[in-house]
All heavy atoms as atom14 arrays in JSON, in Angstrom:
{
  "sequence": "GMELICFEIISNVGTARGCYVEAIDLATEGKYEEAEQKIAEGSSYFV",
  "atom14_mask": [
    [1, 1, 1, 1, 0, 0, 0, 0, 0, 0, 0, 0, 0, 0],
    [1, 1, 1, 1, 1, 1, 1, 1, 0, 0, 0, 0, 0, 0],
    [1, 1, 1, 1, 1, 1, 1, 1, 1, 0, 0, 0, 0, 0],
    [1, 1, 1, 1, 1, 1, 1, 1, 0, 0, 0, 0, 0, 0],
    [1, 1, 1, 1, 1, 1, 1, 1, 0, 0, 0, 0, 0, 0],
    [1, 1, 1, 1, 1, 1, 0, 0, 0, 0, 0, 0, 0, 0],
    [1, 1, 1, 1, 1, 1, 1, 1, 1, 1, 1, 0, 0, 0],
    [1, 1, 1, 1, 1, 1, 1, 1, 1, 0, 0, 0, 0, 0],
    [1, 1, 1, 1, 1, 1, 1, 1, 0, 0, 0, 0, 0, 0],
    [1, 1, 1, 1, 1, 1, 1, 1, 0, 0, 0, 0, 0, 0],
    [1, 1, 1, 1, 1, 1, 0, 0, 0, 0, 0, 0, 0, 0],
    [1, 1, 1, 1, 1, 1, 1, 1, 0, 0, 0, 0, 0, 0],
    [1, 1, 1, 1, 1, 1, 1, 0, 0, 0, 0, 0, 0, 0],
    [1, 1, 1, 1, 0, 0, 0, 0, 0, 0, 0, 0, 0, 0],
    [1, 1, 1, 1, 1, 1, 1, 0, 0, 0, 0, 0, 0, 0],
    [1, 1, 1, 1, 1, 0, 0, 0, 0, 0, 0, 0, 0, 0],
    [1, 1, 1, 1, 1, 1, 1, 1, 1, 1, 1, 0, 0, 0],
    [1, 1, 1, 1, 0, 0, 0, 0, 0, 0, 0, 0, 0, 0],
    [1, 1, 1, 1, 1, 1, 0, 0, 0, 0, 0, 0, 0, 0],
    [1, 1, 1, 1, 1, 1, 1, 1, 1, 1, 1, 1, 0, 0],
    [1, 1, 1, 1, 1, 1, 1, 0, 0, 0, 0, 0, 0, 0],
    [1, 1, 1, 1, 1, 1, 1, 1, 1, 0, 0, 0, 0, 0],
    [1, 1, 1, 1, 1, 0, 0, 0, 0, 0, 0, 0, 0, 0],
    [1, 1, 1, 1, 1, 1, 1, 1, 0, 0, 0, 0, 0, 0],
    [1, 1, 1, 1, 1, 1, 1, 1, 0, 0, 0, 0, 0, 0],
    [1, 1, 1, 1, 1, 1, 1, 1, 0, 0, 0, 0, 0, 0],
    [1, 1, 1, 1, 1, 0, 0, 0, 0, 0, 0, 0, 0, 0],
    [1, 1, 1, 1, 1, 1, 1, 0, 0, 0, 0, 0, 0, 0],
    [1, 1, 1, 1, 1, 1, 1, 1, 1, 0, 0, 0, 0, 0],
    [1, 1, 1, 1, 0, 0, 0, 0, 0, 0, 0, 0, 0, 0],
    [1, 1, 1, 1, 1, 1, 1, 1, 1, 0, 0, 0, 0, 0],
    [1, 1, 1, 1, 1, 1, 1, 1, 1, 1, 1, 1, 0, 0],
    [1, 1, 1, 1, 1, 1, 1, 1, 1, 0, 0, 0, 0, 0],
    [1, 1, 1, 1, 1, 1, 1, 1, 1, 0, 0, 0, 0, 0],
    [1, 1, 1, 1, 1, 0, 0, 0, 0, 0, 0, 0, 0, 0],
    [1, 1, 1, 1, 1, 1, 1, 1, 1, 0, 0, 0, 0, 0],
    [1, 1, 1, 1, 1, 1, 1, 1, 1, 0, 0, 0, 0, 0],
    [1, 1, 1, 1, 1, 1, 1, 1, 1, 0, 0, 0, 0, 0],
    [1, 1, 1, 1, 1, 1, 1, 1, 0, 0, 0, 0, 0, 0],
    [1, 1, 1, 1, 1, 0, 0, 0, 0, 0, 0, 0, 0, 0],
    [1, 1, 1, 1, 1, 1, 1, 1, 1, 0, 0, 0, 0, 0],
    [1, 1, 1, 1, 0, 0, 0, 0, 0, 0, 0, 0, 0, 0],
    [1, 1, 1, 1, 1, 1, 0, 0, 0, 0, 0, 0, 0, 0],
    [1, 1, 1, 1, 1, 1, 0, 0, 0, 0, 0, 0, 0, 0],
    [1, 1, 1, 1, 1, 1, 1, 1, 1, 1, 1, 1, 0, 0],
    [1, 1, 1, 1, 1, 1, 1, 1, 1, 1, 1, 0, 0, 0],
    [1, 1, 1, 1, 1, 1, 1, 0, 0, 0, 0, 0, 0, 0]
  ],
  "atom14_positions": [
    [[148.96, 121.6, 117.39], [148.3, 122.57, 116.67], [148.63, 122.73, 115.19], [148.58, 121.78, 114.45], [0.0, 0.0, 0.0], [0.0, 0.0, 0.0], [0.0, 0.0, 0.0], [0.0, 0.0, 0.0], [0.0, 0.0, 0.0], [0.0, 0.0, 0.0], [0.0, 0.0, 0.0], [0.0, 0.0, 0.0], [0.0, 0.0, 0.0], [0.0, 0.0, 0.0]],
    [[149.1, 123.96, 114.95], [149.46, 124.3, 113.55], [150.54, 123.44, 113.0], [150.45, 123.07, 111.79], [149.89, 125.79, 113.4], [150.15, 126.24, 112.09], [148.91, 126.17, 111.0], [148.27, 127.67, 111.12], [0.0, 0.0, 0.0], [0.0, 0.0, 0.0], [0.0, 0.0, 0.0], [0.0, 0.0, 0.0], [0.0, 0.0, 0.0], [0.0, 0.0, 0.0]],
    [[151.66, 123.09, 113.76], [152.69, 122.31, 113.17], [152.13, 120.91, 112.89], [152.62, 120.46, 111.71], [153.79, 122.19, 114.33], [154.54, 123.43, 114.62], [155.51, 123.31, 115.77], [155.33, 122.41, 116.56], [156.5, 124.07, 115.71], [0.0, 0.0, 0.0], [0.0, 0.0, 0.0], [0.0, 0.0, 0.0], [0.0, 0.0, 0.0], [0.0, 0.0, 0.0]],
    [[151.37, 120.38, 113.69], [150.78, 119.04, 113.37], [150.0, 119.01, 112.07], [150.15, 118.14, 111.12], [149.88, 118.56, 114.58], [149.48, 117.04, 114.58], [150.67, 116.17, 114.46], [148.6, 116.86, 115.73], [0.0, 0.0, 0.0], [0.0, 0.0, 0.0], [0.0, 0.0, 0.0], [0.0, 0.0, 0.0], [0.0, 0.0, 0.0], [0.0, 0.0, 0.0]],
    [[149.13, 120.11, 111.84], [148.39, 120.24, 110.69], [149.25, 120.34, 109.41], [149.02, 119.75, 108.39], [147.25, 121.35, 110.73], [146.3, 121.02, 111.79], [146.75, 121.51, 109.42], [145.37, 122.2, 112.16], [0.0, 0.0, 0.0], [0.0, 0.0, 0.0], [0.0, 0.0, 0.0], [0.0, 0.0, 0.0], [0.0, 0.0, 0.0], [0.0, 0.0, 0.0]],
    [[150.3, 121.2, 109.48], [151.22, 121.37, 108.52], [151.9, 120.01, 108.08], [152.09, 119.67, 106.91], [152.32, 122.4, 108.8], [151.59, 124.06, 108.9], [0.0, 0.0, 0.0], [0.0, 0.0, 0.0], [0.0, 0.0, 0.0], [0.0, 0.0, 0.0], [0.0, 0.0, 0.0], [0.0, 0.0, 0.0], [0.0, 0.0, 0.0], [0.0, 0.0, 0.0]],
    [[152.38, 119.27, 109.06], [153.01, 118.04, 108.78], [151.97, 116.97, 108.25], [152.34, 116.16, 107.32], [153.69, 117.56, 109.94], [155.15, 118.11, 110.17], [155.34, 118.94, 111.24], [156.07, 117.97, 109.26], [156.6, 119.5, 111.45], [157.3, 118.58, 109.42], [157.55, 119.36, 110.56], [0.0, 0.0, 0.0], [0.0, 0.0, 0.0], [0.0, 0.0, 0.0]],
    [[150.79, 117.11, 108.59], [149.72, 116.15, 108.02], [149.55, 116.57, 106.56], [149.44, 115.59, 105.64], [148.38, 116.45, 108.73], [147.32, 115.6, 108.25], [145.96, 115.83, 109.0], [145.88, 116.53, 109.97], [144.95, 115.21, 108.47], [0.0, 0.0, 0.0], [0.0, 0.0, 0.0], [0.0, 0.0, 0.0], [0.0, 0.0, 0.0], [0.0, 0.0, 0.0]],
    [[149.53, 117.84, 106.2], [149.49, 118.31, 104.76], [150.67, 117.79, 104.02], [150.6, 117.17, 103.0], [149.25, 119.79, 104.66], [148.05, 120.24, 105.31], [149.49, 120.25, 103.24], [147.95, 121.74, 105.5], [0.0, 0.0, 0.0], [0.0, 0.0, 0.0], [0.0, 0.0, 0.0], [0.0, 0.0, 0.0], [0.0, 0.0, 0.0], [0.0, 0.0, 0.0]],
    [[151.9, 118.08, 104.52], [153.18, 117.72, 103.9], [153.25, 116.2, 103.68], [153.67, 115.77, 102.57], [154.31, 118.2, 104.67], [154.33, 119.69, 104.66], [155.69, 117.73, 104.15], [155.23, 120.39, 105.65], [0.0, 0.0, 0.0], [0.0, 0.0, 0.0], [0.0, 0.0, 0.0], [0.0, 0.0, 0.0], [0.0, 0.0, 0.0], [0.0, 0.0, 0.0]],
    [[152.91, 115.4, 104.7], [153.0, 113.98, 104.54], [152.13, 113.45, 103.55], [152.42, 112.58, 102.67], [152.75, 113.34, 105.96], [152.76, 111.97, 105.82], [0.0, 0.0, 0.0], [0.0, 0.0, 0.0], [0.0, 0.0, 0.0], [0.0, 0.0, 0.0], [0.0, 0.0, 0.0], [0.0, 0.0, 0.0], [0.0, 0.0, 0.0], [0.0, 0.0, 0.0]],
    [[150.85, 113.82, 103.51], [149.85, 113.26, 102.58], [150.12, 113.8, 101.18], [150.08, 112.91, 100.31], [148.41, 113.59, 103.01], [147.95, 112.74, 104.15], [147.83, 111.53, 104.01], [147.66, 113.36, 105.34], [0.0, 0.0, 0.0], [0.0, 0.0, 0.0], [0.0, 0.0, 0.0], [0.0, 0.0, 0.0], [0.0, 0.0, 0.0], [0.0, 0.0, 0.0]],
    [[150.36, 114.97, 100.86], [150.59, 115.39, 99.63], [151.9, 115.05, 98.99], [152.0, 114.74, 97.78], [150.31, 117.0, 99.44], [148.88, 117.44, 99.75], [151.41, 117.8, 100.06], [0.0, 0.0, 0.0], [0.0, 0.0, 0.0], [0.0, 0.0, 0.0], [0.0, 0.0, 0.0], [0.0, 0.0, 0.0], [0.0, 0.0, 0.0], [0.0, 0.0, 0.0]],
    [[152.89, 114.75, 99.91], [154.12, 114.22, 99.49], [153.99, 112.78, 99.06], [154.55, 112.41, 97.95], [0.0, 0.0, 0.0], [0.0, 0.0, 0.0], [0.0, 0.0, 0.0], [0.0, 0.0, 0.0], [0.0, 0.0, 0.0], [0.0, 0.0, 0.0], [0.0, 0.0, 0.0], [0.0, 0.0, 0.0], [0.0, 0.0, 0.0], [0.0, 0.0, 0.0]],
    [[153.21, 112.0, 99.75], [152.9, 110.66, 99.29], [152.02, 110.62, 98.01], [152.38, 109.83, 97.06], [152.12, 109.94, 100.4], [152.84, 109.9, 101.56], [151.72, 108.5, 99.99], [0.0, 0.0, 0.0], [0.0, 0.0, 0.0], [0.0, 0.0, 0.0], [0.0, 0.0, 0.0], [0.0, 0.0, 0.0], [0.0, 0.0, 0.0], [0.0, 0.0, 0.0]],
    [[151.12, 111.51, 97.88], [150.4, 111.75, 96.64], [151.37, 112.05, 95.43], [151.23, 111.37, 94.5], [149.28, 112.74, 96.77], [0.0, 0.0, 0.0], [0.0, 0.0, 0.0], [0.0, 0.0, 0.0], [0.0, 0.0, 0.0], [0.0, 0.0, 0.0], [0.0, 0.0, 0.0], [0.0, 0.0, 0.0], [0.0, 0.0, 0.0], [0.0, 0.0, 0.0]],
    [[152.2, 112.94, 95.66], [153.09, 113.42, 94.52], [153.98, 112.17, 94.1], [154.21, 111.75, 92.95], [153.99, 114.5, 95.03], [154.81, 115.07, 93.85], [155.63, 116.26, 94.17], [156.47, 115.99, 95.26], [156.59, 116.81, 96.37], [155.8, 117.87, 96.55], [157.36, 116.41, 97.35], [0.0, 0.0, 0.0], [0.0, 0.0, 0.0], [0.0, 0.0, 0.0]],
    [[154.39, 111.35, 95.12], [155.18, 110.16, 94.82], [154.39, 109.14, 94.05], [154.85, 108.46, 93.08], [0.0, 0.0, 0.0], [0.0, 0.0, 0.0], [0.0, 0.0, 0.0], [0.0, 0.0, 0.0], [0.0, 0.0, 0.0], [0.0, 0.0, 0.0], [0.0, 0.0, 0.0], [0.0, 0.0, 0.0], [0.0, 0.0, 0.0], [0.0, 0.0, 0.0]],
    [[153.14, 109.03, 94.23], [152.23, 108.12, 93.55], [152.08, 108.55, 92.1], [152.0, 107.69, 91.16], [150.8, 108.0, 94.18], [150.86, 107.08, 95.72], [0.0, 0.0, 0.0], [0.0, 0.0, 0.0], [0.0, 0.0, 0.0], [0.0, 0.0, 0.0], [0.0, 0.0, 0.0], [0.0, 0.0, 0.0], [0.0, 0.0, 0.0], [0.0, 0.0, 0.0]],
    [[151.97, 109.92, 91.92], [151.82, 110.51, 90.56], [153.1, 110.31, 89.73], [152.9, 110.05, 88.52], [151.56, 111.93, 90.62], [150.21, 112.29, 91.39], [150.06, 113.44, 92.14], [149.01, 111.44, 91.38], [148.91, 113.77, 92.84], [147.98, 111.7, 92.2], [147.94, 112.87, 92.82], [146.64, 113.11, 93.54], [0.0, 0.0, 0.0], [0.0, 0.0, 0.0]],
    [[154.3, 110.38, 90.39], [155.54, 110.05, 89.67], [155.55, 108.67, 89.3], [155.91, 108.28, 88.16], [156.7, 110.52, 90.45], [158.01, 110.15, 89.89], [156.69, 112.11, 90.72], [0.0, 0.0, 0.0], [0.0, 0.0, 0.0], [0.0, 0.0, 0.0], [0.0, 0.0, 0.0], [0.0, 0.0, 0.0], [0.0, 0.0, 0.0], [0.0, 0.0, 0.0]],
    [[155.09, 107.77, 90.11], [155.19, 106.25, 89.89], [154.16, 106.05, 88.69], [154.37, 105.14, 87.84], [154.69, 105.49, 91.12], [155.69, 105.38, 92.11], [155.27, 104.5, 93.27], [154.94, 103.34, 93.02], [155.31, 104.96, 94.51], [0.0, 0.0, 0.0], [0.0, 0.0, 0.0], [0.0, 0.0, 0.0], [0.0, 0.0, 0.0], [0.0, 0.0, 0.0]],
    [[153.08, 106.75, 88.7], [152.11, 106.63, 87.62], [152.71, 106.92, 86.21], [152.53, 106.29, 85.19], [150.92, 107.43, 87.76], [0.0, 0.0, 0.0], [0.0, 0.0, 0.0], [0.0, 0.0, 0.0], [0.0, 0.0, 0.0], [0.0, 0.0, 0.0], [0.0, 0.0, 0.0], [0.0, 0.0, 0.0], [0.0, 0.0, 0.0], [0.0, 0.0, 0.0]],
    [[153.51, 108.05, 86.21], [154.12, 108.44, 85.04], [155.14, 107.32, 84.65], [155.21, 106.93, 83.44], [154.93, 109.81, 85.14], [153.93, 110.86, 85.43], [155.86, 110.0, 83.96], [154.66, 112.28, 85.81], [0.0, 0.0, 0.0], [0.0, 0.0, 0.0], [0.0, 0.0, 0.0], [0.0, 0.0, 0.0], [0.0, 0.0, 0.0], [0.0, 0.0, 0.0]],
    [[155.87, 106.79, 85.58], [156.84, 105.67, 85.18], [156.17, 104.43, 84.6], [156.55, 103.89, 83.65], [157.64, 105.24, 86.42], [158.59, 106.36, 86.9], [159.0, 107.27, 86.04], [159.02, 106.41, 88.07], [0.0, 0.0, 0.0], [0.0, 0.0, 0.0], [0.0, 0.0, 0.0], [0.0, 0.0, 0.0], [0.0, 0.0, 0.0], [0.0, 0.0, 0.0]],
    [[154.93, 104.06, 85.28], [154.2, 102.9, 84.8], [153.6, 103.15, 83.34], [153.61, 102.29, 82.52], [153.1, 102.66, 85.79], [153.53, 102.04, 87.1], [152.39, 102.19, 88.24], [153.97, 100.66, 86.99], [0.0, 0.0, 0.0], [0.0, 0.0, 0.0], [0.0, 0.0, 0.0], [0.0, 0.0, 0.0], [0.0, 0.0, 0.0], [0.0, 0.0, 0.0]],
    [[153.14, 104.35, 83.27], [152.63, 104.7, 81.82], [153.73, 104.53, 80.79], [153.48, 104.24, 79.67], [152.07, 106.07, 81.79], [0.0, 0.0, 0.0], [0.0, 0.0, 0.0], [0.0, 0.0, 0.0], [0.0, 0.0, 0.0], [0.0, 0.0, 0.0], [0.0, 0.0, 0.0], [0.0, 0.0, 0.0], [0.0, 0.0, 0.0], [0.0, 0.0, 0.0]],
    [[154.93, 105.1, 81.11], [156.02, 104.91, 80.16], [156.34, 103.53, 79.84], [156.82, 103.22, 78.72], [157.27, 105.57, 80.89], [156.97, 106.96, 81.11], [158.52, 105.58, 79.93], [0.0, 0.0, 0.0], [0.0, 0.0, 0.0], [0.0, 0.0, 0.0], [0.0, 0.0, 0.0], [0.0, 0.0, 0.0], [0.0, 0.0, 0.0], [0.0, 0.0, 0.0]],
    [[156.04, 102.63, 80.69], [156.3, 101.16, 80.63], [155.01, 100.56, 79.86], [155.12, 99.24, 79.65], [156.47, 100.54, 81.88], [157.75, 100.9, 82.46], [158.02, 100.26, 84.0], [157.19, 99.43, 84.35], [158.8, 100.82, 84.67], [0.0, 0.0, 0.0], [0.0, 0.0, 0.0], [0.0, 0.0, 0.0], [0.0, 0.0, 0.0], [0.0, 0.0, 0.0]],
    [[154.01, 101.3, 79.64], [152.86, 100.85, 78.99], [151.9, 100.06, 79.96], [150.88, 99.43, 79.48], [0.0, 0.0, 0.0], [0.0, 0.0, 0.0], [0.0, 0.0, 0.0], [0.0, 0.0, 0.0], [0.0, 0.0, 0.0], [0.0, 0.0, 0.0], [0.0, 0.0, 0.0], [0.0, 0.0, 0.0], [0.0, 0.0, 0.0], [0.0, 0.0, 0.0]],
    [[152.09, 100.26, 81.18], [151.25, 99.66, 82.18], [150.26, 100.59, 82.68], [150.21, 101.18, 83.76], [152.12, 99.28, 83.49], [153.15, 98.3, 83.13], [154.13, 97.9, 84.29], [155.17, 96.82, 83.91], [156.1, 96.66, 85.03], [0.0, 0.0, 0.0], [0.0, 0.0, 0.0], [0.0, 0.0, 0.0], [0.0, 0.0, 0.0], [0.0, 0.0, 0.0]],
    [[149.22, 100.78, 81.75], [148.26, 101.86, 82.05], [147.23, 101.58, 83.2], [146.84, 102.63, 83.84], [147.38, 102.14, 80.71], [148.41, 102.55, 79.6], [148.56, 101.75, 78.45], [149.19, 103.65, 79.68], [149.42, 102.12, 77.49], [150.1, 104.04, 78.67], [150.23, 103.11, 77.58], [151.12, 103.45, 76.64], [0.0, 0.0, 0.0], [0.0, 0.0, 0.0]],
    [[146.83, 100.45, 83.33], [145.91, 100.14, 84.42], [146.53, 100.38, 85.71], [145.96, 100.94, 86.61], [145.45, 98.62, 84.26], [144.33, 98.28, 85.22], [143.83, 96.9, 85.12], [143.46, 96.47, 83.87], [143.43, 96.29, 86.04], [0.0, 0.0, 0.0], [0.0, 0.0, 0.0], [0.0, 0.0, 0.0], [0.0, 0.0, 0.0], [0.0, 0.0, 0.0]],
    [[147.87, 99.95, 85.9], [148.59, 100.2, 87.14], [148.78, 101.72, 87.3], [148.72, 102.21, 88.47], [149.91, 99.43, 87.06], [149.77, 97.99, 87.14], [151.09, 97.16, 87.1], [152.05, 97.54, 87.79], [151.25, 96.38, 86.12], [0.0, 0.0, 0.0], [0.0, 0.0, 0.0], [0.0, 0.0, 0.0], [0.0, 0.0, 0.0], [0.0, 0.0, 0.0]],
    [[148.99, 102.43, 86.24], [149.24, 103.87, 86.32], [147.96, 104.58, 86.83], [148.03, 105.43, 87.62], [149.62, 104.37, 84.9], [0.0, 0.0, 0.0], [0.0, 0.0, 0.0], [0.0, 0.0, 0.0], [0.0, 0.0, 0.0], [0.0, 0.0, 0.0], [0.0, 0.0, 0.0], [0.0, 0.0, 0.0], [0.0, 0.0, 0.0], [0.0, 0.0, 0.0]],
    [[146.83, 104.16, 86.29], [145.62, 104.67, 86.78], [145.31, 104.36, 88.14], [144.8, 105.2, 88.89], [144.36, 104.12, 85.82], [144.49, 104.55, 84.4], [144.14, 105.99, 84.19], [143.63, 106.78, 84.99], [144.44, 106.36, 83.02], [0.0, 0.0, 0.0], [0.0, 0.0, 0.0], [0.0, 0.0, 0.0], [0.0, 0.0, 0.0], [0.0, 0.0, 0.0]],
    [[145.71, 103.12, 88.7], [145.58, 102.82, 90.07], [146.38, 103.68, 90.95], [145.97, 104.15, 91.99], [145.95, 101.39, 90.26], [144.86, 100.44, 89.75], [145.33, 98.93, 89.74], [146.55, 98.68, 90.07], [144.5, 98.04, 89.4], [0.0, 0.0, 0.0], [0.0, 0.0, 0.0], [0.0, 0.0, 0.0], [0.0, 0.0, 0.0], [0.0, 0.0, 0.0]],
    [[147.58, 104.04, 90.47], [148.52, 104.89, 91.2], [147.91, 106.3, 91.29], [148.01, 107.07, 92.29], [149.92, 105.02, 90.55], [150.72, 103.87, 90.99], [151.06, 103.88, 92.52], [151.74, 102.67, 93.04], [152.02, 102.75, 94.46], [0.0, 0.0, 0.0], [0.0, 0.0, 0.0], [0.0, 0.0, 0.0], [0.0, 0.0, 0.0], [0.0, 0.0, 0.0]],
    [[147.21, 106.76, 90.15], [146.55, 108.12, 90.22], [145.58, 108.11, 91.33], [145.44, 109.03, 92.11], [146.05, 108.45, 88.9], [147.11, 108.71, 87.84], [145.05, 109.68, 88.89], [147.93, 109.95, 87.98], [0.0, 0.0, 0.0], [0.0, 0.0, 0.0], [0.0, 0.0, 0.0], [0.0, 0.0, 0.0], [0.0, 0.0, 0.0], [0.0, 0.0, 0.0]],
    [[144.69, 106.99, 91.32], [143.65, 106.93, 92.33], [144.18, 106.87, 93.76], [143.7, 107.55, 94.57], [142.76, 105.71, 92.07], [0.0, 0.0, 0.0], [0.0, 0.0, 0.0], [0.0, 0.0, 0.0], [0.0, 0.0, 0.0], [0.0, 0.0, 0.0], [0.0, 0.0, 0.0], [0.0, 0.0, 0.0], [0.0, 0.0, 0.0], [0.0, 0.0, 0.0]],
    [[145.29, 106.12, 93.88], [145.95, 106.08, 95.27], [146.42, 107.52, 95.6], [146.17, 107.83, 96.77], [147.11, 105.03, 95.24], [147.72, 104.86, 96.51], [148.99, 103.91, 96.55], [149.07, 103.09, 95.58], [149.74, 103.91, 97.5], [0.0, 0.0, 0.0], [0.0, 0.0, 0.0], [0.0, 0.0, 0.0], [0.0, 0.0, 0.0], [0.0, 0.0, 0.0]],
    [[147.11, 108.03, 94.66], [147.58, 109.4, 95.12], [146.49, 110.4, 95.36], [146.59, 111.19, 96.21], [0.0, 0.0, 0.0], [0.0, 0.0, 0.0], [0.0, 0.0, 0.0], [0.0, 0.0, 0.0], [0.0, 0.0, 0.0], [0.0, 0.0, 0.0], [0.0, 0.0, 0.0], [0.0, 0.0, 0.0], [0.0, 0.0, 0.0], [0.0, 0.0, 0.0]],
    [[145.46, 110.25, 94.61], [144.34, 111.2, 94.92], [143.72, 111.08, 96.24], [143.29, 112.0, 96.85], [143.18, 111.01, 93.72], [143.69, 111.36, 92.42], [0.0, 0.0, 0.0], [0.0, 0.0, 0.0], [0.0, 0.0, 0.0], [0.0, 0.0, 0.0], [0.0, 0.0, 0.0], [0.0, 0.0, 0.0], [0.0, 0.0, 0.0], [0.0, 0.0, 0.0]],
    [[143.73, 109.77, 96.75], [143.18, 109.7, 98.0], [144.02, 110.33, 99.12], [143.64, 110.84, 100.17], [142.95, 108.2, 98.46], [144.25, 107.5, 98.52], [0.0, 0.0, 0.0], [0.0, 0.0, 0.0], [0.0, 0.0, 0.0], [0.0, 0.0, 0.0], [0.0, 0.0, 0.0], [0.0, 0.0, 0.0], [0.0, 0.0, 0.0], [0.0, 0.0, 0.0]],
    [[145.34, 110.2, 98.93], [146.28, 110.98, 99.85], [146.13, 112.52, 99.65], [146.14, 113.25, 100.66], [147.77, 110.54, 99.71], [148.12, 109.21, 100.19], [148.16, 107.99, 99.44], [148.34, 109.12, 101.59], [148.51, 106.79, 99.98], [148.58, 107.83, 102.15], [148.67, 106.71, 101.27], [148.96, 105.55, 101.86], [0.0, 0.0, 0.0], [0.0, 0.0, 0.0]],
    [[146.03, 112.94, 98.4], [145.88, 114.3, 98.15], [144.72, 114.85, 98.89], [144.76, 115.91, 99.44], [145.94, 114.59, 96.68], [145.83, 116.15, 96.35], [146.91, 116.87, 96.26], [144.59, 116.68, 96.13], [146.99, 118.19, 96.04], [144.55, 117.99, 95.91], [145.7, 118.85, 95.83], [0.0, 0.0, 0.0], [0.0, 0.0, 0.0], [0.0, 0.0, 0.0]],
    [[143.53, 114.12, 98.85], [142.34, 114.67, 99.47], [142.59, 114.85, 101.04], [142.03, 115.84, 101.51], [141.18, 113.75, 99.12], [140.02, 113.95, 100.09], [140.85, 113.82, 97.62], [0.0, 0.0, 0.0], [0.0, 0.0, 0.0], [0.0, 0.0, 0.0], [0.0, 0.0, 0.0], [0.0, 0.0, 0.0], [0.0, 0.0, 0.0], [0.0, 0.0, 0.0]]
  ]
}
């Protein structure tokens, strides 16, 4: 029930947040296409 839904939220948005942090790191290195891909990947988990 509720616990399972909560962990589903936590797992997915935690993965999304990790992708967003990776996107920042990639942008700092000038790898903008890869950074945009990480944003898109993170967004799919966030949804």
